[in-house]
């Protein structure tokens, strides 16, 4: 068996995911603050750095989409509006601007 569950067990997996998602969410909030002054740099950091941190976990952990909702919401409601300079972000804008999280 592979993935987080094999290394941490069921309870450990839940703690690991909760901790990681909180950390990733705080990172997005920090990038949102940076984006107010340096939007291109913040977007590049998001695409080429920050988003890569959860790619493996989201692709290898079954039934993770519900756990990732806080992170997804933070990206869509905090980060993207600053990057795009818009108060309201449409679904099309979300699809273009943000890498997709795994869907179960």
PDB file of N, CA and C in Angstrom:
ATOM      1  N   UNK A   1       0.841  -1.180   0.000  1.00  0.00           N
ATOM      2  CA  UNK A   1       0.000   0.000   0.000  1.00  0.00           C
ATOM      3  C   UNK A   1       0.889   1.247   0.000  1.00  0.00           C
ATOM      4  N   UNK A   2       0.448   2.287  -0.685  1.00  0.00           N
ATOM      5  CA  UNK A   2       1.254   3.506  -0.753  1.00  0.00           C
ATOM      6  C   UNK A   2       0.420   4.696  -0.307  1.00  0.00           C
ATOM      7  N   UNK A   3       1.058   5.834  -0.251  1.00  0.00           N
ATOM      8  CA  UNK A   3       0.361   7.054   0.135  1.00  0.00           C
ATOM      9  C   UNK A   3       0.491   7.342   1.611  1.00  0.00           C
ATOM     10  N   UNK A   4      -0.211   8.361   2.031  1.00  0.00           N
ATOM     11  CA  UNK A   4      -0.124   8.837   3.404  1.00  0.00           C
ATOM     12  C   UNK A   4      -0.603   7.792   4.402  1.00  0.00           C
ATOM     13  N   UNK A   5      -1.677   7.087   4.081  1.00  0.00           N
ATOM     14  CA  UNK A   5      -2.250   6.117   5.009  1.00  0.00           C
ATOM     15  C   UNK A   5      -1.251   5.019   5.343  1.00  0.00           C
ATOM     16  N   UNK A   6      -0.466   4.590   4.372  1.00  0.00           N
ATOM     17  CA  UNK A   6       0.512   3.528   4.611  1.00  0.00           C
ATOM     18  C   UNK A   6       1.584   3.971   5.601  1.00  0.00           C
ATOM     19  N   UNK A   7       1.957   5.242   5.544  1.00  0.00           N
ATOM     20  CA  UNK A   7       3.024   5.726   6.417  1.00  0.00           C
ATOM     21  C   UNK A   7       2.519   6.143   7.796  1.00  0.00           C
ATOM     22  N   UNK A   8       1.347   6.752   7.872  1.00  0.00           N
ATOM     23  CA  UNK A   8       0.864   7.348   9.127  1.00  0.00           C
ATOM     24  C   UNK A   8      -0.286   6.598   9.782  1.00  0.00           C
ATOM     25  N   UNK A   9      -0.942   5.691   9.098  1.00  0.00           N
ATOM     26  CA  UNK A   9      -2.138   5.064   9.620  1.00  0.00           C
ATOM     27  C   UNK A   9      -3.324   5.998   9.467  1.00  0.00           C
ATOM     28  N   UNK A  10      -4.510   5.508   9.726  1.00  0.00           N
ATOM     29  CA  UNK A  10      -5.744   6.285   9.501  1.00  0.00           C
ATOM     30  C   UNK A  10      -5.791   7.572  10.329  1.00  0.00           C
ATOM     31  N   UNK A  11      -5.538   7.471  11.639  1.00  0.00           N
ATOM     32  CA  UNK A  11      -5.579   8.661  12.495  1.00  0.00           C
ATOM     33  C   UNK A  11      -4.458   9.630  12.148  1.00  0.00           C
ATOM     34  N   UNK A  12      -3.291   9.098  11.906  1.00  0.00           N
ATOM     35  CA  UNK A  12      -2.163   9.933  11.534  1.00  0.00           C
ATOM     36  C   UNK A  12      -2.400  10.645  10.218  1.00  0.00           C
ATOM     37  N   UNK A  13      -3.061   9.940   9.298  1.00  0.00           N
ATOM     38  CA  UNK A  13      -3.392  10.554   8.009  1.00  0.00           C
ATOM     39  C   UNK A  13      -4.295  11.763   8.202  1.00  0.00           C
ATOM     40  N   UNK A  14      -5.300  11.625   9.036  1.00  0.00           N
ATOM     41  CA  UNK A  14      -6.226  12.723   9.278  1.00  0.00           C
ATOM     42  C   UNK A  14      -5.505  13.924   9.892  1.00  0.00           C
ATOM     43  N   UNK A  15      -4.657  13.678  10.879  1.00  0.00           N
ATOM     44  CA  UNK A  15      -3.879  14.765  11.504  1.00  0.00           C
ATOM     45  C   UNK A  15      -2.941  15.416  10.499  1.00  0.00           C
ATOM     46  N   UNK A  16      -2.249  14.583   9.727  1.00  0.00           N
ATOM     47  CA  UNK A  16      -1.334  15.085   8.709  1.00  0.00           C
ATOM     48  C   UNK A  16      -2.076  15.995   7.731  1.00  0.00           C
ATOM     49  N   UNK A  17      -3.203  15.517   7.219  1.00  0.00           N
ATOM     50  CA  UNK A  17      -3.968  16.303   6.248  1.00  0.00           C
ATOM     51  C   UNK A  17      -4.474  17.609   6.850  1.00  0.00           C
ATOM     52  N   UNK A  18      -5.013  17.550   8.050  1.00  0.00           N
ATOM     53  CA  UNK A  18      -5.501  18.768   8.704  1.00  0.00           C
ATOM     54  C   UNK A  18      -4.382  19.791   8.877  1.00  0.00           C
ATOM     55  N   UNK A  19      -3.232  19.331   9.352  1.00  0.00           N
ATOM     56  CA  UNK A  19      -2.095  20.227   9.559  1.00  0.00           C
ATOM     57  C   UNK A  19      -1.606  20.813   8.239  1.00  0.00           C
ATOM     58  N   UNK A  20      -1.481  19.960   7.232  1.00  0.00           N
ATOM     59  CA  UNK A  20      -0.995  20.434   5.932  1.00  0.00           C
ATOM     60  C   UNK A  20      -1.961  21.431   5.305  1.00  0.00           C
ATOM     61  N   UNK A  21      -3.236  21.141   5.350  1.00  0.00           N
ATOM     62  CA  UNK A  21      -4.229  22.023   4.740  1.00  0.00           C
ATOM     63  C   UNK A  21      -4.247  23.371   5.449  1.00  0.00           C
ATOM     64  N   UNK A  22      -4.116  23.370   6.773  1.00  0.00           N
ATOM     65  CA  UNK A  22      -4.025  24.638   7.510  1.00  0.00           C
ATOM     66  C   UNK A  22      -2.796  25.426   7.071  1.00  0.00           C
ATOM     67  N   UNK A  23      -1.666  24.741   6.948  1.00  0.00           N
ATOM     68  CA  UNK A  23      -0.418  25.399   6.531  1.00  0.00           C
ATOM     69  C   UNK A  23      -0.552  25.953   5.107  1.00  0.00           C
ATOM     70  N   UNK A  24      -1.097  25.155   4.189  1.00  0.00           N
ATOM     71  CA  UNK A  24      -1.254  25.606   2.806  1.00  0.00           C
ATOM     72  C   UNK A  24      -2.212  26.792   2.724  1.00  0.00           C
ATOM     73  N   UNK A  25      -3.259  26.769   3.532  1.00  0.00           N
ATOM     74  CA  UNK A  25      -4.223  27.863   3.555  1.00  0.00           C
ATOM     75  C   UNK A  25      -3.567  29.147   4.062  1.00  0.00           C
ATOM     76  N   UNK A  26      -2.743  29.039   5.093  1.00  0.00           N
ATOM     77  CA  UNK A  26      -2.011  30.217   5.591  1.00  0.00           C
ATOM     78  C   UNK A  26      -1.052  30.742   4.524  1.00  0.00           C
ATOM     79  N   UNK A  27      -0.436  29.837   3.770  1.00  0.00           N
ATOM     80  CA  UNK A  27       0.453  30.253   2.685  1.00  0.00           C
ATOM     81  C   UNK A  27      -0.301  31.042   1.618  1.00  0.00           C
ATOM     82  N   UNK A  28      -1.502  30.602   1.285  1.00  0.00           N
ATOM     83  CA  UNK A  28      -2.309  31.308   0.289  1.00  0.00           C
ATOM     84  C   UNK A  28      -2.695  32.692   0.810  1.00  0.00           C
ATOM     85  N   UNK A  29      -3.029  32.780   2.077  1.00  0.00           N
ATOM     86  CA  UNK A  29      -3.357  34.087   2.661  1.00  0.00           C
ATOM     87  C   UNK A  29      -2.143  35.020   2.611  1.00  0.00           C
ATOM     88  N   UNK A  30      -0.950  34.473   2.881  1.00  0.00           N
ATOM     89  CA  UNK A  30       0.267  35.283   2.804  1.00  0.00           C
ATOM     90  C   UNK A  30       0.528  35.723   1.363  1.00  0.00           C
ATOM     91  N   UNK A  31       0.349  34.832   0.411  1.00  0.00           N
ATOM     92  CA  UNK A  31       0.515  35.209  -0.998  1.00  0.00           C
ATOM     93  C   UNK A  31      -0.503  36.264  -1.418  1.00  0.00           C
ATOM     94  N   UNK A  32      -1.689  36.208  -0.846  1.00  0.00           N
ATOM     95  CA  UNK A  32      -2.716  37.209  -1.152  1.00  0.00           C
ATOM     96  C   UNK A  32      -2.273  38.597  -0.711  1.00  0.00           C
ATOM     97  N   UNK A  33      -1.594  38.665   0.415  1.00  0.00           N
ATOM     98  CA  UNK A  33      -1.073  39.955   0.891  1.00  0.00           C
ATOM     99  C   UNK A  33       0.043  40.453  -0.027  1.00  0.00           C
ATOM    100  N   UNK A  34       0.921  39.556  -0.439  1.00  0.00           N
ATOM    101  CA  UNK A  34       1.996  39.923  -1.358  1.00  0.00           C
ATOM    102  C   UNK A  34       1.424  40.380  -2.695  1.00  0.00           C
ATOM    103  N   UNK A  35       0.368  39.710  -3.136  1.00  0.00           N
ATOM    104  CA  UNK A  35      -0.240  40.008  -4.443  1.00  0.00           C
ATOM    105  C   UNK A  35      -0.803  41.424  -4.532  1.00  0.00           C
ATOM    106  N   UNK A  36      -1.106  42.025  -3.403  1.00  0.00           N
ATOM    107  CA  UNK A  36      -1.614  43.404  -3.427  1.00  0.00           C
ATOM    108  C   UNK A  36      -0.575  44.364  -4.001  1.00  0.00           C
ATOM    109  N   UNK A  37       0.710  44.019  -3.856  1.00  0.00           N
ATOM    110  CA  UNK A  37       1.794  44.885  -4.320  1.00  0.00           C
ATOM    111  C   UNK A  37       2.576  44.285  -5.485  1.00  0.00           C
ATOM    112  N   UNK A  38       2.633  42.972  -5.540  1.00  0.00           N
ATOM    113  CA  UNK A  38       3.400  42.261  -6.570  1.00  0.00           C
ATOM    114  C   UNK A  38       2.568  41.098  -7.116  1.00  0.00           C
ATOM    115  N   UNK A  39       1.506  41.369  -7.875  1.00  0.00           N
ATOM    116  CA  UNK A  39       0.615  40.284  -8.314  1.00  0.00           C
ATOM    117  C   UNK A  39       1.290  39.232  -9.194  1.00  0.00           C
ATOM    118  N   UNK A  40       2.178  39.652 -10.100  1.00  0.00           N
ATOM    119  CA  UNK A  40       2.828  38.674 -10.975  1.00  0.00           C
ATOM    120  C   UNK A  40       3.739  37.746 -10.180  1.00  0.00           C
ATOM    121  N   UNK A  41       4.471  38.309  -9.237  1.00  0.00           N
ATOM    122  CA  UNK A  41       5.361  37.490  -8.418  1.00  0.00           C
ATOM    123  C   UNK A  41       4.561  36.511  -7.551  1.00  0.00           C
ATOM    124  N   UNK A  42       3.464  36.978  -6.992  1.00  0.00           N
ATOM    125  CA  UNK A  42       2.634  36.111  -6.150  1.00  0.00           C
ATOM    126  C   UNK A  42       2.020  34.986  -6.973  1.00  0.00           C
ATOM    127  N   UNK A  43       1.558  35.311  -8.186  1.00  0.00           N
ATOM    128  CA  UNK A  43       0.968  34.285  -9.048  1.00  0.00           C
ATOM    129  C   UNK A  43       2.017  33.258  -9.455  1.00  0.00           C
ATOM    130  N   UNK A  44       3.209  33.720  -9.803  1.00  0.00           N
ATOM    131  CA  UNK A  44       4.289  32.795 -10.170  1.00  0.00           C
ATOM    132  C   UNK A  44       4.639  31.891  -8.984  1.00  0.00           C
ATOM    133  N   UNK A  45       4.723  32.454  -7.799  1.00  0.00           N
ATOM    134  CA  UNK A  45       5.013  31.651  -6.602  1.00  0.00           C
ATOM    135  C   UNK A  45       3.919  30.615  -6.374  1.00  0.00           C
ATOM    136  N   UNK A  46       2.675  31.004  -6.606  1.00  0.00           N
ATOM    137  CA  UNK A  46       1.544  30.089  -6.444  1.00  0.00           C
ATOM    138  C   UNK A  46       1.626  28.939  -7.446  1.00  0.00           C
ATOM    139  N   UNK A  47       1.797  29.263  -8.730  1.00  0.00           N
ATOM    140  CA  UNK A  47       1.782  28.251  -9.786  1.00  0.00           C
ATOM    141  C   UNK A  47       3.004  27.335  -9.724  1.00  0.00           C
ATOM    142  N   UNK A  48       4.182  27.914  -9.557  1.00  0.00           N
ATOM    143  CA  UNK A  48       5.413  27.131  -9.653  1.00  0.00           C
ATOM    144  C   UNK A  48       5.935  26.628  -8.306  1.00  0.00           C
ATOM    145  N   UNK A  49       5.325  27.047  -7.227  1.00  0.00           N
ATOM    146  CA  UNK A  49       5.811  26.630  -5.922  1.00  0.00           C
ATOM    147  C   UNK A  49       4.723  26.117  -5.020  1.00  0.00           C
ATOM    148  N   UNK A  50       3.917  27.027  -4.515  1.00  0.00           N
ATOM    149  CA  UNK A  50       2.930  26.698  -3.484  1.00  0.00           C
ATOM    150  C   UNK A  50       1.966  25.596  -3.916  1.00  0.00           C
ATOM    151  N   UNK A  51       1.406  25.700  -5.110  1.00  0.00           N
ATOM    152  CA  UNK A  51       0.411  24.701  -5.540  1.00  0.00           C
ATOM    153  C   UNK A  51       1.024  23.316  -5.722  1.00  0.00           C
ATOM    154  N   UNK A  52       2.303  23.255  -5.982  1.00  0.00           N
ATOM    155  CA  UNK A  52       2.968  21.952  -6.154  1.00  0.00           C
ATOM    156  C   UNK A  52       3.022  21.180  -4.840  1.00  0.00           C
ATOM    157  N   UNK A  53       2.939  21.901  -3.731  1.00  0.00           N
ATOM    158  CA  UNK A  53       3.050  21.249  -2.421  1.00  0.00           C
ATOM    159  C   UNK A  53       1.878  20.318  -2.144  1.00  0.00           C
ATOM    160  N   UNK A  54       0.697  20.622  -2.672  1.00  0.00           N
ATOM    161  CA  UNK A  54      -0.445  19.748  -2.402  1.00  0.00           C
ATOM    162  C   UNK A  54      -0.789  18.844  -3.580  1.00  0.00           C
ATOM    163  N   UNK A  55      -0.103  18.968  -4.702  1.00  0.00           N
ATOM    164  CA  UNK A  55      -0.418  18.160  -5.877  1.00  0.00           C
ATOM    165  C   UNK A  55      -0.301  16.673  -5.589  1.00  0.00           C
ATOM    166  N   UNK A  56       0.817  16.248  -5.020  1.00  0.00           N
ATOM    167  CA  UNK A  56       1.012  14.826  -4.744  1.00  0.00           C
ATOM    168  C   UNK A  56      -0.052  14.297  -3.792  1.00  0.00           C
ATOM    169  N   UNK A  57      -0.278  15.025  -2.711  1.00  0.00           N
ATOM    170  CA  UNK A  57      -1.252  14.576  -1.715  1.00  0.00           C
ATOM    171  C   UNK A  57      -2.647  14.477  -2.330  1.00  0.00           C
ATOM    172  N   UNK A  58      -3.029  15.471  -3.120  1.00  0.00           N
ATOM    173  CA  UNK A  58      -4.378  15.456  -3.682  1.00  0.00           C
ATOM    174  C   UNK A  58      -4.552  14.362  -4.730  1.00  0.00           C
ATOM    175  N   UNK A  59      -3.476  13.954  -5.355  1.00  0.00           N
ATOM    176  CA  UNK A  59      -3.566  12.908  -6.383  1.00  0.00           C
ATOM    177  C   UNK A  59      -3.453  11.495  -5.824  1.00  0.00           C
ATOM    178  N   UNK A  60      -2.901  11.351  -4.646  1.00  0.00           N
ATOM    179  CA  UNK A  60      -2.658  10.007  -4.113  1.00  0.00           C
ATOM    180  C   UNK A  60      -3.522   9.657  -2.908  1.00  0.00           C
ATOM    181  N   UNK A  61      -4.331  10.583  -2.447  1.00  0.00           N
ATOM    182  CA  UNK A  61      -5.159  10.329  -1.277  1.00  0.00           C
ATOM    183  C   UNK A  61      -6.620  10.219  -1.702  1.00  0.00           C
ATOM    184  N   UNK A  62      -7.220   9.052  -1.539  1.00  0.00           N
ATOM    185  CA  UNK A  62      -8.625   8.889  -1.932  1.00  0.00           C
ATOM    186  C   UNK A  62      -9.555   9.749  -1.074  1.00  0.00           C
ATOM    187  N   UNK A  63     -10.634  10.186  -1.685  1.00  0.00           N
ATOM    188  CA  UNK A  63     -11.696  10.932  -0.993  1.00  0.00           C
ATOM    189  C   UNK A  63     -11.177  12.174  -0.283  1.00  0.00           C
ATOM    190  N   UNK A  64     -10.300  12.902  -0.911  1.00  0.00           N
ATOM    191  CA  UNK A  64      -9.694  14.066  -0.265  1.00  0.00           C
ATOM    192  C   UNK A  64     -10.414  15.376  -0.586  1.00  0.00           C
ATOM    193  N   UNK A  65     -11.259  15.393  -1.601  1.00  0.00           N
ATOM    194  CA  UNK A  65     -11.812  16.669  -2.059  1.00  0.00           C
ATOM    195  C   UNK A  65     -12.558  17.428  -0.963  1.00  0.00           C
ATOM    196  N   UNK A  66     -13.295  16.748  -0.100  1.00  0.00           N
ATOM    197  CA  UNK A  66     -13.998  17.447   0.984  1.00  0.00           C
ATOM    198  C   UNK A  66     -13.022  18.105   1.954  1.00  0.00           C
ATOM    199  N   UNK A  67     -11.909  17.443   2.194  1.00  0.00           N
ATOM    200  CA  UNK A  67     -10.914  17.986   3.118  1.00  0.00           C
ATOM    201  C   UNK A  67     -10.219  19.220   2.533  1.00  0.00           C
ATOM    202  N   UNK A  68     -10.176  19.316   1.204  1.00  0.00           N
ATOM    203  CA  UNK A  68      -9.480  20.406   0.533  1.00  0.00           C
ATOM    204  C   UNK A  68     -10.375  21.632   0.298  1.00  0.00           C
ATOM    205  N   UNK A  69     -11.613  21.588   0.730  1.00  0.00           N
ATOM    206  CA  UNK A  69     -12.554  22.683   0.456  1.00  0.00           C
ATOM    207  C   UNK A  69     -12.102  24.022   1.047  1.00  0.00           C
ATOM    208  N   UNK A  70     -11.554  24.026   2.252  1.00  0.00           N
ATOM    209  CA  UNK A  70     -11.073  25.272   2.852  1.00  0.00           C
ATOM    210  C   UNK A  70      -9.968  25.887   1.993  1.00  0.00           C
ATOM    211  N   UNK A  71      -9.049  25.054   1.550  1.00  0.00           N
ATOM    212  CA  UNK A  71      -7.966  25.527   0.696  1.00  0.00           C
ATOM    213  C   UNK A  71      -8.516  26.070  -0.621  1.00  0.00           C
ATOM    214  N   UNK A  72      -9.398  25.323  -1.232  1.00  0.00           N
ATOM    215  CA  UNK A  72      -9.995  25.749  -2.503  1.00  0.00           C
ATOM    216  C   UNK A  72     -10.751  27.064  -2.321  1.00  0.00           C
ATOM    217  N   UNK A  73     -11.525  27.178  -1.253  1.00  0.00           N
ATOM    218  CA  UNK A  73     -12.276  28.408  -0.984  1.00  0.00           C
ATOM    219  C   UNK A  73     -11.313  29.585  -0.806  1.00  0.00           C
ATOM    220  N   UNK A  74     -10.239  29.373  -0.068  1.00  0.00           N
ATOM    221  CA  UNK A  74      -9.268  30.441   0.179  1.00  0.00           C
ATOM    222  C   UNK A  74      -8.631  30.904  -1.130  1.00  0.00           C
ATOM    223  N   UNK A  75      -8.318  29.970  -2.005  1.00  0.00           N
ATOM    224  CA  UNK A  75      -7.764  30.335  -3.308  1.00  0.00           C
ATOM    225  C   UNK A  75      -8.773  31.164  -4.091  1.00  0.00           C
ATOM    226  N   UNK A  76     -10.001  30.686  -4.149  1.00  0.00           N
ATOM    227  CA  UNK A  76     -11.020  31.330  -4.975  1.00  0.00           C
ATOM    228  C   UNK A  76     -11.518  32.650  -4.415  1.00  0.00           C
ATOM    229  N   UNK A  77     -11.612  32.763  -3.116  1.00  0.00           N
ATOM    230  CA  UNK A  77     -12.224  33.946  -2.522  1.00  0.00           C
ATOM    231  C   UNK A  77     -11.226  34.958  -1.961  1.00  0.00           C
ATOM    232  N   UNK A  78      -9.988  34.535  -1.741  1.00  0.00           N
ATOM    233  CA  UNK A  78      -8.987  35.441  -1.174  1.00  0.00           C
ATOM    234  C   UNK A  78      -7.882  35.755  -2.178  1.00  0.00           C
ATOM    235  N   UNK A  79      -7.314  34.726  -2.778  1.00  0.00           N
ATOM    236  CA  UNK A  79      -6.158  34.913  -3.654  1.00  0.00           C
ATOM    237  C   UNK A  79      -6.548  35.423  -5.045  1.00  0.00           C
ATOM    238  N   UNK A  80      -7.460  34.725  -5.721  1.00  0.00           N
ATOM    239  CA  UNK A  80      -7.809  35.094  -7.100  1.00  0.00           C
ATOM    240  C   UNK A  80      -8.353  36.517  -7.240  1.00  0.00           C
ATOM    241  N   UNK A  81      -9.213  36.985  -6.351  1.00  0.00           N
ATOM    242  CA  UNK A  81      -9.683  38.369  -6.515  1.00  0.00           C
ATOM    243  C   UNK A  81      -8.545  39.392  -6.503  1.00  0.00           C
ATOM    244  N   UNK A  82      -7.545  39.166  -5.673  1.00  0.00           N
ATOM    245  CA  UNK A  82      -6.414  40.103  -5.612  1.00  0.00           C
ATOM    246  C   UNK A  82      -5.594  40.010  -6.897  1.00  0.00           C
ATOM    247  N   UNK A  83      -5.313  38.798  -7.336  1.00  0.00           N
ATOM    248  CA  UNK A  83      -4.517  38.592  -8.550  1.00  0.00           C
ATOM    249  C   UNK A  83      -5.215  39.186  -9.771  1.00  0.00           C
ATOM    250  N   UNK A  84      -6.509  38.956  -9.873  1.00  0.00           N
ATOM    251  CA  UNK A  84      -7.247  39.387 -11.059  1.00  0.00           C
ATOM    252  C   UNK A  84      -7.798  40.806 -10.943  1.00  0.00           C
ATOM    253  N   UNK A  85      -7.677  41.394  -9.766  1.00  0.00           N
ATOM    254  CA  UNK A  85      -8.173  42.745  -9.589  1.00  0.00           C
ATOM    255  C   UNK A  85      -9.682  42.842  -9.704  1.00  0.00           C
ATOM    256  N   UNK A  86     -10.355  41.813  -9.272  1.00  0.00           N
ATOM    257  CA  UNK A  86     -11.819  41.747  -9.365  1.00  0.00           C
ATOM    258  C   UNK A  86     -12.413  41.439  -7.994  1.00  0.00           C
ATOM    259  N   UNK A  87     -13.561  42.037  -7.710  1.00  0.00           N
ATOM    260  CA  UNK A  87     -14.261  41.695  -6.471  1.00  0.00           C
ATOM    261  C   UNK A  87     -15.004  40.371  -6.584  1.00  0.00           C
ATOM    262  N   UNK A  88     -15.521  40.092  -7.780  1.00  0.00           N
ATOM    263  CA  UNK A  88     -16.287  38.868  -8.015  1.00  0.00           C
ATOM    264  C   UNK A  88     -15.574  38.046  -9.075  1.00  0.00           C
ATOM    265  N   UNK A  89     -15.298  36.800  -8.778  1.00  0.00           N
ATOM    266  CA  UNK A  89     -14.603  35.908  -9.690  1.00  0.00           C
ATOM    267  C   UNK A  89     -15.615  34.920 -10.263  1.00  0.00           C
ATOM    268  N   UNK A  90     -15.737  34.895 -11.588  1.00  0.00           N
ATOM    269  CA  UNK A  90     -16.661  33.971 -12.245  1.00  0.00           C
ATOM    270  C   UNK A  90     -16.071  32.565 -12.280  1.00  0.00           C
ATOM    271  N   UNK A  91     -16.906  31.586 -12.552  1.00  0.00           N
ATOM    272  CA  UNK A  91     -16.431  30.209 -12.648  1.00  0.00           C
ATOM    273  C   UNK A  91     -15.393  30.062 -13.755  1.00  0.00           C
ATOM    274  N   UNK A  92     -15.589  30.763 -14.883  1.00  0.00           N
ATOM    275  CA  UNK A  92     -14.613  30.687 -15.968  1.00  0.00           C
ATOM    276  C   UNK A  92     -13.265  31.244 -15.535  1.00  0.00           C
ATOM    277  N   UNK A  93     -13.280  32.338 -14.791  1.00  0.00           N
ATOM    278  CA  UNK A  93     -12.028  32.915 -14.301  1.00  0.00           C
ATOM    279  C   UNK A  93     -11.319  31.941 -13.358  1.00  0.00           C
ATOM    280  N   UNK A  94     -12.091  31.263 -12.515  1.00  0.00           N
ATOM    281  CA  UNK A  94     -11.506  30.291 -11.591  1.00  0.00           C
ATOM    282  C   UNK A  94     -10.817  29.163 -12.349  1.00  0.00           C
ATOM    283  N   UNK A  95     -11.460  28.674 -13.414  1.00  0.00           N
ATOM    284  CA  UNK A  95     -10.897  27.567 -14.188  1.00  0.00           C
ATOM    285  C   UNK A  95      -9.591  27.967 -14.855  1.00  0.00           C
ATOM    286  N   UNK A  96      -9.532  29.182 -15.319  1.00  0.00           N
ATOM    287  CA  UNK A  96      -8.338  29.642 -16.031  1.00  0.00           C
ATOM    288  C   UNK A  96      -7.200  29.937 -15.068  1.00  0.00           C
ATOM    289  N   UNK A  97      -7.491  30.544 -13.948  1.00  0.00           N
ATOM    290  CA  UNK A  97      -6.454  31.085 -13.066  1.00  0.00           C
ATOM    291  C   UNK A  97      -5.886  30.104 -12.067  1.00  0.00           C
ATOM    292  N   UNK A  98      -6.621  29.083 -11.683  1.00  0.00           N
ATOM    293  CA  UNK A  98      -6.164  28.203 -10.604  1.00  0.00           C
ATOM    294  C   UNK A  98      -6.028  26.767 -11.072  1.00  0.00           C
ATOM    295  N   UNK A  99      -4.942  26.117 -10.683  1.00  0.00           N
ATOM    296  CA  UNK A  99      -4.819  24.689 -10.976  1.00  0.00           C
ATOM    297  C   UNK A  99      -5.961  23.938 -10.279  1.00  0.00           C
ATOM    298  N   UNK A 100      -6.463  22.947 -10.911  1.00  0.00           N
ATOM    299  CA  UNK A 100      -7.601  22.214 -10.355  1.00  0.00           C
ATOM    300  C   UNK A 100      -7.152  21.255  -9.261  1.00  0.00           C
ATOM    301  N   UNK A 101      -7.939  21.221  -8.206  1.00  0.00           N
ATOM    302  CA  UNK A 101      -7.742  20.227  -7.163  1.00  0.00           C
ATOM    303  C   UNK A 101      -8.422  18.946  -7.626  1.00  0.00           C
ATOM    304  N   UNK A 102      -7.964  17.825  -7.122  1.00  0.00           N
ATOM    305  CA  UNK A 102      -8.526  16.540  -7.493  1.00  0.00           C
ATOM    306  C   UNK A 102     -10.000  16.483  -7.122  1.00  0.00           C
ATOM    307  N   UNK A 103     -10.766  15.912  -8.000  1.00  0.00           N
ATOM    308  CA  UNK A 103     -12.184  15.675  -7.741  1.00  0.00           C
ATOM    309  C   UNK A 103     -12.386  14.173  -7.567  1.00  0.00           C
ATOM    310  N   UNK A 104     -13.109  13.783  -6.517  1.00  0.00           N
ATOM    311  CA  UNK A 104     -13.371  12.351  -6.281  1.00  0.00           C
ATOM    312  C   UNK A 104     -14.412  11.846  -7.249  1.00  0.00           C
TER     313      UNK A 104
END
